[in-house]
Protein backbone atom coordinates (compact mmCIF):
# COMPACT_ATOMS: atom_id res chain seq x y z
CA MET A 1 7.97 17.02 -34.90
CA SER A 2 5.31 16.08 -32.44
CA LYS A 3 2.06 14.21 -32.98
CA ASN A 4 0.07 16.79 -31.06
CA LYS A 5 0.57 20.46 -30.41
CA ILE A 6 1.39 21.41 -26.85
CA LYS A 7 -1.07 23.69 -25.13
CA ILE A 8 -0.02 27.26 -25.72
CA ASP A 9 -1.67 30.62 -26.07
CA GLU A 10 -2.40 30.36 -29.82
CA GLY A 11 -3.49 33.99 -30.05
CA LYS A 12 -0.09 35.22 -28.87
CA SER A 13 1.74 32.70 -31.05
CA ASN A 14 -0.23 33.62 -34.15
CA ASN A 15 0.39 37.33 -33.61
CA PHE A 16 4.06 36.70 -32.95
CA PHE A 17 4.51 34.75 -36.19
CA LYS A 18 2.44 37.34 -38.06
CA ARG A 19 5.01 39.93 -36.97
CA LEU A 20 7.85 37.64 -38.11
CA PHE A 21 6.15 37.25 -41.50
CA LEU A 22 5.81 41.02 -41.89
CA ILE A 23 9.42 41.62 -40.80
CA VAL A 24 10.62 39.20 -43.53
CA PHE A 25 8.37 40.99 -46.04
CA PHE A 26 9.67 44.45 -45.10
CA PHE A 27 13.24 43.18 -45.24
CA THR A 28 12.50 42.00 -48.78
CA ILE A 29 11.18 45.37 -49.99
CA LEU A 30 13.63 47.56 -48.05
CA GLU A 31 16.97 45.74 -48.23
CA GLY A 32 17.39 47.05 -51.78
CA ALA A 33 16.78 50.61 -50.59
CA VAL A 34 19.43 50.22 -47.90
CA ARG A 35 21.97 48.95 -50.45
CA LYS A 36 20.90 51.49 -53.07
CA TRP A 37 21.01 54.70 -51.07
CA PHE A 38 22.89 54.07 -47.82
CA ILE A 39 25.42 51.25 -47.61
CA GLN A 40 26.48 49.73 -50.91
CA GLY A 41 28.25 46.39 -50.86
CA TYR A 42 26.37 44.75 -47.98
CA ASP A 43 24.28 42.43 -50.16
CA VAL A 44 25.32 39.20 -48.45
CA GLN A 45 25.00 40.56 -44.92
CA LEU A 46 21.43 41.75 -45.53
CA ILE A 47 20.44 38.46 -47.17
CA LEU A 48 21.96 36.55 -44.24
CA LEU A 49 20.01 38.73 -41.84
CA ARG A 50 16.73 37.91 -43.62
CA ASP A 51 17.64 34.21 -43.82
CA GLY A 52 18.46 34.32 -40.12
CA LEU A 53 14.94 35.58 -39.40
CA VAL A 54 13.51 32.74 -41.49
CA LEU A 55 15.68 30.19 -39.65
CA TYR A 56 14.59 31.65 -36.31
CA SER A 57 10.95 31.37 -37.40
CA ILE A 58 11.42 27.71 -38.32
CA PHE A 59 13.17 26.90 -35.02
CA TYR A 60 10.36 28.78 -33.27
CA GLY A 61 7.84 26.57 -35.07
CA PHE A 62 9.64 23.38 -34.03
CA ASN A 63 10.10 24.62 -30.46
CA LYS A 64 6.38 25.42 -30.13
CA ARG A 65 5.53 22.13 -31.87
CA PHE A 66 3.53 23.76 -34.61
CA PHE A 67 4.95 21.18 -37.01
CA ILE A 68 3.08 17.91 -36.55
CA LYS A 69 3.32 14.35 -37.90
CA ASN A 70 1.31 14.90 -41.03
CA TRP A 71 1.70 14.08 -44.73
CA LYS A 72 2.68 17.69 -45.47
CA GLU A 73 5.57 17.64 -43.00
CA ASN A 74 6.54 14.11 -44.06
CA ILE A 75 6.77 15.06 -47.75
CA LEU A 76 8.79 18.19 -46.96
CA LEU A 77 11.09 16.21 -44.66
CA LEU A 78 11.72 13.66 -47.42
CA TRP A 79 12.42 16.48 -49.88
CA THR A 80 14.85 18.08 -47.41
CA ILE A 81 16.74 14.80 -46.94
CA LEU A 82 16.82 14.12 -50.70
CA VAL A 83 18.14 17.59 -51.62
CA THR A 84 20.70 17.58 -48.78
CA VAL A 85 22.07 14.11 -49.62
CA TRP A 86 22.08 14.82 -53.38
CA SER A 87 23.86 18.17 -52.82
CA PHE A 88 26.50 16.52 -50.63
CA LEU A 89 27.16 13.82 -53.26
CA GLN A 90 27.47 16.49 -55.95
CA PHE A 91 29.95 18.36 -53.77
CA LEU A 92 32.09 15.23 -53.31
CA ILE A 93 32.06 14.32 -57.01
CA ASN A 94 32.26 17.77 -58.66
CA ASP A 95 34.59 19.28 -56.03
CA PHE A 96 33.24 22.85 -55.80
CA ASN A 97 33.12 25.38 -52.97
CA PRO A 98 31.14 23.87 -50.04
CA PHE A 99 29.27 27.14 -49.51
CA ILE A 100 27.52 26.54 -52.84
CA THR A 101 25.91 23.48 -51.27
CA LEU A 102 24.53 25.68 -48.50
CA VAL A 103 23.23 28.16 -51.11
CA GLY A 104 21.51 25.27 -52.92
CA ILE A 105 19.84 23.96 -49.76
CA ARG A 106 18.74 27.51 -48.96
CA ASN A 107 17.21 27.97 -52.41
CA TRP A 108 15.59 24.55 -52.73
CA VAL A 109 14.52 23.75 -49.15
CA LEU A 110 14.72 26.41 -46.42
CA TYR A 111 11.85 28.72 -47.37
CA PHE A 112 9.48 25.80 -47.99
CA TRP A 113 9.52 25.25 -44.22
CA PHE A 114 8.72 28.92 -43.69
CA SER A 115 5.71 28.66 -46.05
CA LEU A 116 4.48 25.55 -44.26
CA LEU A 117 4.85 27.35 -40.94
CA CYS A 118 2.48 30.04 -42.29
CA PHE A 119 -0.07 27.26 -42.79
CA ARG A 120 0.41 26.04 -39.21
CA CYS A 121 0.53 29.41 -37.44
CA LEU A 122 -1.72 31.83 -39.30
CA GLY A 123 -5.49 32.01 -39.66
CA LYS A 124 -8.11 34.27 -41.26
CA LYS A 125 -7.68 37.04 -38.72
CA GLU A 126 -3.91 37.23 -39.15
CA LEU A 127 -4.17 36.95 -42.93
CA ASP A 128 -6.68 39.79 -43.07
CA SER A 129 -4.32 42.03 -41.11
CA ILE A 130 -1.31 41.05 -43.26
CA LEU A 131 -3.13 41.74 -46.54
CA SER A 132 -4.19 45.19 -45.34
CA ILE A 133 -0.60 46.09 -44.46
CA LEU A 134 0.67 44.76 -47.81
CA LEU A 135 -1.84 46.92 -49.67
CA TYR A 136 -0.88 50.07 -47.78
CA THR A 137 2.78 49.67 -48.81
CA ILE A 138 1.91 50.67 -52.38
CA ILE A 139 1.13 54.23 -51.21
CA PRO A 140 4.71 55.30 -50.30
CA ILE A 141 6.29 53.05 -52.95
CA GLY A 142 3.89 54.30 -55.64
CA ILE A 143 4.68 57.92 -54.80
CA LEU A 144 8.41 57.06 -54.93
CA ILE A 145 7.97 55.44 -58.37
CA ILE A 146 6.22 58.56 -59.73
CA TYR A 147 9.02 60.74 -58.36
CA GLN A 148 11.67 58.46 -59.92
CA HIS A 149 9.87 58.64 -63.26
CA PHE A 150 9.94 62.44 -63.39
CA MET A 151 13.56 62.71 -62.23
CA PRO A 152 16.46 62.24 -64.69
CA ALA A 153 18.56 59.09 -64.64
CA GLY A 154 21.42 60.95 -62.94
CA HIS A 155 19.30 62.12 -60.00
CA ILE A 156 20.18 60.74 -56.56
CA ILE A 157 16.79 59.01 -56.31
CA ASN A 158 17.69 56.84 -59.33
CA LYS A 159 21.40 56.32 -58.69
CA GLN A 160 23.27 53.83 -56.55
CA VAL A 161 25.05 55.16 -53.46
CA GLY A 162 28.55 56.35 -54.30
CA SER A 163 27.77 56.68 -58.01
CA THR A 164 28.52 60.04 -59.60
CA THR A 165 27.01 59.35 -63.03
CA ALA A 166 23.83 57.91 -64.53
CA GLU A 167 25.80 54.95 -65.87
CA GLY A 168 24.09 51.66 -65.06
CA ILE A 169 20.63 53.24 -64.73
CA PHE A 170 18.26 51.42 -67.08
CA THR A 171 15.94 53.35 -69.36
CA VAL A 172 12.91 52.14 -71.29
CA ALA A 173 13.50 54.34 -74.36
CA PHE A 174 13.92 58.04 -75.21
CA GLY A 175 15.68 58.58 -71.86
CA VAL A 176 12.64 57.49 -69.80
CA VAL A 177 13.90 55.85 -66.59
CA ARG A 178 12.90 52.27 -65.77
CA THR A 179 11.77 52.88 -62.21
CA ALA A 180 12.95 50.47 -59.53
CA GLY A 181 11.10 51.73 -56.44
CA THR A 182 12.90 50.64 -53.29
CA PHE A 183 14.79 47.91 -55.15
CA THR A 184 18.25 48.01 -56.68
CA PHE A 185 16.97 46.67 -59.99
CA THR A 186 13.68 46.79 -61.87
CA SER A 187 13.09 43.03 -61.47
CA GLY A 188 12.56 43.55 -57.73
CA GLN A 189 9.85 46.13 -58.37
CA VAL A 190 8.23 43.81 -60.95
CA GLN A 191 8.14 41.01 -58.37
CA TYR A 192 6.65 43.32 -55.75
CA LEU A 193 3.90 44.47 -58.11
CA ALA A 194 3.16 40.87 -59.16
CA PHE A 195 2.96 39.90 -55.48
CA LEU A 196 0.33 42.61 -54.89
CA THR A 197 -1.68 42.07 -58.09
CA PRO A 198 -4.12 39.34 -56.91
CA ILE A 199 -4.70 41.25 -53.65
CA ILE A 200 -5.43 44.42 -55.65
CA PHE A 201 -8.00 42.61 -57.79
CA TYR A 202 -9.50 41.13 -54.63
CA LEU A 203 -9.83 44.70 -53.36
CA MET A 204 -11.57 45.59 -56.63
CA SER A 205 -14.02 42.69 -56.32
CA GLY A 206 -15.89 44.38 -53.47
CA LYS A 207 -15.64 41.41 -51.08
CA TYR A 208 -12.58 42.69 -49.27
CA ASN A 209 -13.05 43.66 -45.61
CA ASP A 210 -14.00 47.17 -44.51
CA SER A 211 -10.82 47.88 -42.53
CA ILE A 212 -9.58 49.98 -45.47
CA SER A 213 -11.52 53.19 -46.08
CA GLN A 214 -12.98 53.99 -49.49
CA ILE A 215 -10.59 56.89 -50.07
CA SER A 216 -7.64 54.64 -49.18
CA LYS A 217 -8.89 51.99 -51.62
CA ILE A 218 -9.07 54.56 -54.42
CA ILE A 219 -5.56 55.86 -53.66
CA ILE A 220 -4.18 52.29 -53.51
CA LEU A 221 -5.74 51.34 -56.85
CA ILE A 222 -4.59 54.52 -58.62
CA LEU A 223 -0.99 54.26 -57.35
CA PHE A 224 -0.81 50.55 -58.14
CA PHE A 225 -1.85 50.92 -61.78
CA ILE A 226 0.34 54.01 -62.24
CA SER A 227 3.26 51.97 -60.89
CA ILE A 228 2.55 49.25 -63.47
CA ALA A 229 2.42 51.84 -66.27
CA LEU A 230 5.68 53.49 -65.17
CA SER A 231 7.59 50.24 -64.60
CA GLY A 232 8.75 50.10 -68.22
CA SER A 233 8.66 46.32 -67.83
CA ARG A 234 7.03 44.04 -70.36
CA GLY A 235 6.83 41.39 -67.66
CA ALA A 236 4.92 43.63 -65.25
CA ILE A 237 2.46 44.77 -67.92
CA MET A 238 1.90 41.27 -69.32
CA ASN A 239 1.49 39.79 -65.85
CA SER A 240 -1.05 42.41 -64.79
CA GLY A 241 -2.87 41.98 -68.13
CA PHE A 242 -3.05 38.22 -67.69
CA MET A 243 -4.25 38.56 -64.09
CA LEU A 244 -6.85 41.08 -65.26
CA LEU A 245 -8.07 38.52 -67.80
CA MET A 246 -8.32 35.89 -65.03
CA PHE A 247 -10.19 38.42 -62.89
CA PHE A 248 -12.74 39.00 -65.67
CA LEU A 249 -13.13 35.27 -66.41
CA ILE A 250 -13.71 34.23 -62.80
CA SER A 251 -16.05 37.20 -62.33
CA LEU A 252 -18.06 36.05 -65.37
CA ARG A 253 -18.19 32.52 -63.94
CA LEU A 254 -19.51 33.92 -60.65
CA ASN A 255 -22.10 36.07 -62.47
CA LYS A 256 -20.54 39.38 -61.44
CA MET A 257 -21.19 41.09 -64.76
CA LYS A 258 -22.06 44.36 -63.03
CA ASN A 259 -18.55 44.51 -61.55
CA ILE A 260 -16.96 43.81 -64.93
CA LEU A 261 -18.86 46.55 -66.77
CA SER A 262 -18.18 49.13 -64.06
CA TYR A 263 -14.46 48.36 -63.99
CA LEU A 264 -14.26 48.42 -67.78
CA PHE A 265 -15.82 51.89 -67.74
CA PHE A 266 -13.49 53.23 -65.04
CA GLY A 267 -10.59 51.41 -66.69
CA LEU A 268 -11.10 53.35 -69.92
CA ILE A 269 -11.17 56.62 -67.99
CA PHE A 270 -7.99 55.60 -66.15
CA ILE A 271 -6.22 54.71 -69.42
CA PHE A 272 -7.05 58.19 -70.71
CA PHE A 273 -5.68 59.69 -67.45
CA ILE A 274 -2.42 57.71 -67.72
CA SER A 275 -2.02 58.56 -71.42
CA TYR A 276 -2.47 62.26 -70.71
CA PHE A 277 -0.21 62.69 -67.66
CA PHE A 278 2.41 60.02 -68.43
CA ASP A 279 2.42 60.08 -72.23
CA ASN A 280 6.22 59.80 -72.43
CA ALA A 281 6.17 56.59 -70.37
CA ILE A 282 3.42 55.11 -72.57
CA GLU A 283 5.30 55.95 -75.78
CA ALA A 284 8.57 54.54 -74.40
CA THR A 285 6.86 51.31 -73.30
CA LYS A 286 5.15 50.92 -76.69
CA PHE A 287 8.53 51.32 -78.36
CA ARG A 288 10.00 48.73 -75.98
CA PHE A 289 7.30 46.22 -76.94
CA GLN A 290 7.80 46.88 -80.65
CA GLU A 291 11.57 46.56 -80.33
CA ALA A 292 11.28 43.31 -78.36
CA SER A 293 8.75 41.82 -80.79
CA ASP A 294 11.31 42.22 -83.56
CA SER A 295 14.02 40.37 -81.65
CA ASP A 296 12.16 37.41 -80.11
CA LEU A 297 8.97 35.42 -80.46
CA ILE A 298 7.05 35.68 -77.20
CA ASN A 299 5.39 32.27 -77.58
CA ASN A 300 8.71 30.49 -78.06
CA ARG A 301 10.20 32.37 -75.14
CA ILE A 302 7.36 31.42 -72.77
CA ILE A 303 7.57 27.76 -73.82
CA GLY A 304 11.32 27.83 -73.22
CA ILE A 305 10.87 29.39 -69.77
CA ILE A 306 8.29 26.81 -68.66
CA PHE A 307 9.67 23.64 -70.25
CA GLY A 308 13.33 24.46 -70.74
CA SER A 309 15.37 25.02 -73.89
CA SER A 310 16.20 22.32 -76.43
CA GLU A 311 19.91 22.75 -75.57
CA ILE A 312 19.44 21.81 -71.93
CA TRP A 313 17.46 18.69 -72.79
CA SER A 314 19.93 17.57 -75.49
CA ASN A 315 22.83 17.97 -73.01
CA PHE A 316 20.96 16.74 -69.94
CA ASN A 317 23.24 15.51 -67.13
CA LEU A 318 21.51 13.02 -64.82
CA PHE A 319 23.67 13.96 -61.85
CA GLY A 320 23.67 17.74 -62.40
CA GLU A 321 26.42 20.30 -61.91
CA GLY A 322 25.56 21.11 -58.29
CA ILE A 323 22.44 22.44 -56.62
CA GLY A 324 22.92 26.18 -56.11
CA ILE A 325 25.83 26.54 -58.53
CA ARG A 326 23.86 28.62 -61.08
CA SER A 327 22.23 30.88 -58.50
CA LYS A 328 23.21 34.55 -58.59
CA LEU A 329 24.04 34.22 -54.90
CA SER A 330 26.77 31.73 -55.83
CA LYS A 331 28.65 34.39 -57.80
CA ILE A 332 30.27 35.27 -54.48
CA PHE A 333 32.01 31.86 -54.44
CA ILE A 334 32.43 30.91 -58.10
CA ASN A 335 33.05 32.68 -61.40
CA THR A 336 30.92 31.04 -64.09
CA ASP A 337 28.78 31.93 -67.10
CA PHE A 338 25.10 32.07 -66.13
CA ARG A 339 23.74 32.98 -69.56
CA ASP A 340 22.90 29.39 -70.54
CA ALA A 341 20.76 29.03 -67.39
CA GLU A 342 18.94 32.35 -67.26
CA ASN A 343 15.46 30.84 -67.02
CA GLU A 344 14.33 28.80 -64.03
CA THR A 345 13.74 25.43 -65.72
CA ASN A 346 17.17 25.46 -67.38
CA ARG A 347 18.80 26.40 -64.08
CA ILE A 348 17.08 23.65 -62.11
CA LEU A 349 17.97 20.99 -64.69
CA TYR A 350 21.60 22.20 -64.90
CA GLU A 351 21.96 22.20 -61.12
CA GLY A 352 19.97 19.18 -60.02
CA GLY A 353 19.93 16.76 -62.92
CA LEU A 354 17.50 13.98 -62.07
CA VAL A 355 16.48 15.63 -58.78
CA GLY A 356 15.99 18.87 -60.72
CA PHE A 357 13.63 17.07 -63.11
CA LEU A 358 11.74 15.76 -60.06
CA PHE A 359 11.55 19.33 -58.68
CA ILE A 360 10.01 20.57 -61.94
CA LEU A 361 7.56 17.67 -62.01
CA ILE A 362 6.48 18.39 -58.42
CA LYS A 363 5.90 22.07 -59.30
CA PHE A 364 3.71 21.11 -62.27
CA ILE A 365 1.64 18.60 -60.26
CA PHE A 366 1.28 21.00 -57.33
CA SER A 367 0.19 23.83 -59.66
CA ILE A 368 -2.49 21.73 -61.35
CA ILE A 369 -3.89 20.47 -58.03
CA VAL A 370 -3.87 23.92 -56.40
CA LEU A 371 -5.48 25.66 -59.39
CA PHE A 372 -8.28 23.11 -59.50
CA LYS A 373 -8.77 23.19 -55.74
CA CYS A 374 -8.82 27.00 -55.51
CA TYR A 375 -11.17 27.23 -58.48
CA LYS A 376 -13.62 24.96 -56.66
CA ILE A 377 -13.28 27.03 -53.48
CA SER A 378 -13.97 30.24 -55.42
CA ILE A 379 -17.09 28.70 -56.98
CA ASN A 380 -18.35 27.35 -53.65
CA THR A 381 -17.71 30.57 -51.73
CA ASP A 382 -18.60 33.03 -54.52
CA ASP A 383 -15.19 34.66 -53.95
CA ILE A 384 -12.56 35.33 -56.62
CA PHE A 385 -9.59 35.57 -54.25
CA PRO A 386 -8.56 31.89 -53.83
CA PHE A 387 -8.48 31.31 -57.58
CA LEU A 388 -6.66 34.57 -58.38
CA TYR A 389 -4.01 33.99 -55.73
CA SER A 390 -3.45 30.41 -56.90
CA VAL A 391 -2.89 31.73 -60.45
CA TYR A 392 -0.22 34.13 -59.14
CA VAL A 393 1.60 31.45 -57.13
CA CYS A 394 1.51 28.94 -59.99
CA LEU A 395 2.90 31.53 -62.42
CA GLN A 396 5.72 32.17 -59.96
CA LEU A 397 6.47 28.47 -59.49
CA LEU A 398 6.49 27.71 -63.21
CA MET A 399 8.08 30.86 -64.68
CA ALA A 400 9.86 33.04 -62.11
CA GLN A 401 13.57 32.74 -61.24
CA ILE A 402 12.90 31.30 -57.79
CA THR A 403 16.22 29.53 -57.27
CA GLY A 404 18.25 32.16 -59.11
CA GLN A 405 17.26 35.57 -57.79
CA VAL A 406 16.94 36.27 -54.06
CA THR A 407 14.11 38.83 -54.22
CA THR A 408 12.02 36.62 -56.52
CA HIS A 409 12.73 33.71 -54.19
CA ALA A 410 11.49 35.65 -51.14
CA PHE A 411 8.28 36.95 -52.75
CA THR A 412 7.43 33.49 -54.12
CA PHE A 413 7.67 31.75 -50.77
CA LEU A 414 5.89 34.55 -48.93
CA GLY A 415 3.16 34.14 -51.55
CA LEU A 416 3.16 30.37 -51.12
CA GLY A 417 2.70 30.85 -47.37
CA ILE A 418 -0.28 33.13 -48.00
CA LEU A 419 -1.75 30.58 -50.42
CA PHE A 420 -1.49 27.85 -47.77
CA VAL A 421 -3.33 30.07 -45.27
CA ILE A 422 -6.00 30.86 -47.87
CA LEU A 423 -6.58 27.15 -48.52
CA LYS A 424 -6.85 26.42 -44.81
CA SER A 425 -9.05 29.43 -44.05
CA TYR A 426 -11.50 28.98 -46.89
CA GLU A 427 -11.82 25.23 -46.45
CA ASN A 428 -12.41 25.53 -42.71
CA ASN A 429 -15.00 28.26 -43.13
CA LYS A 430 -16.46 27.74 -46.62
CA ASN A 431 -20.00 27.48 -45.29
CA ASN A 432 -19.70 30.94 -43.74
CA PHE A 433 -18.70 32.78 -46.88
CA ASP A 434 -22.17 32.65 -48.40
CA SER A 435 -23.64 34.94 -45.74
CA LYS A 436 -23.48 38.71 -45.89
CA ASP A 437 -22.30 38.85 -42.30
CA THR A 438 -18.89 37.54 -43.27
CA ARG A 439 -17.87 40.34 -45.62
CA ALA A 440 -15.21 41.27 -43.08
CA ASN A 441 -13.58 37.84 -43.31
CA ILE A 442 -11.08 36.60 -45.85
């Protein structure tokens, strides 16, 4: 790391890294499609290809001296050293496959550097372009989801490559397919929709730039909410509902009552539209909620996801079993039972022990600081986007299976990178956001 950046053409560098960011994003949403419909069994190769792009991006950042001697880099460097040393000691003591140590460092360290590089390389202009492209992806994926919904489970659009039956295809209820979009499993689609949700609500707020035409905005909104309705996922519906609540609350705080009333009106019309054309999906999802409510208490489940189960705390091991050992990626190297570490907090504590507890503590502190900071930015700039995006990232950090599932991991750190750029952009230009001339800026 260098104290000062070398003199380079920042415009070219920013655009180059913007392309790298988008390539990583498209790998994330399309690698499942490749495995699902074209070449089954190449999971590891595709993940390694994406990780290779991330590694290249990080080396690019160091080579161009985008990383500087700053408290952000210093903290991340200390975290990298701590996780690496702790993982190596665990490997020596617990005697497991050395590749698991590499998986652990990948899950706990690597993508943090990529997110920080977003902060160093991207600005408002690049972010604006990225968000527009992200929004447009819902058009082909939304159409695909609708097609999957209307096709039977045994149709080629819903089956894995090489499969001759509908076995393994998940349904919500009554034979209604749980759509997966371009992903091999519904959790990937849920993560994709969650990733887009704060950007969608930003589009709804009316402050988004004019690079997207009105007709495109309408199509994007319709396909997004249809995709949520057809997902058959409680998580997707609850997440979008919670984000909608946050959207209404921050809009009320910013005195945007007109927006709230208009969206409530159109929302009621849209609910009627969904209920009429996709009534089977609505009935199946309602049944899924009723069935789930009989088998688990949602409050207890959420508390367990965020804070960990009583079993993990009563059997807490200070040294941990090995960072990376409970990741789904580690199934390639070890055969173990992952059911006792299905949620993120349990997994981190099982794997990291004392360092895992520190990781959880850092996530909590970071989430509180970022939420408060982004709330203040939203109030000062009269813009809902910083607060909404911070809510999404904090939900991911505290509840999503970041270190366990590769697609969730990728979306979370792409989102963290966007959040860093938002913080930098809004703080550097907060005085400009009060004028009407800056409607085209993010």
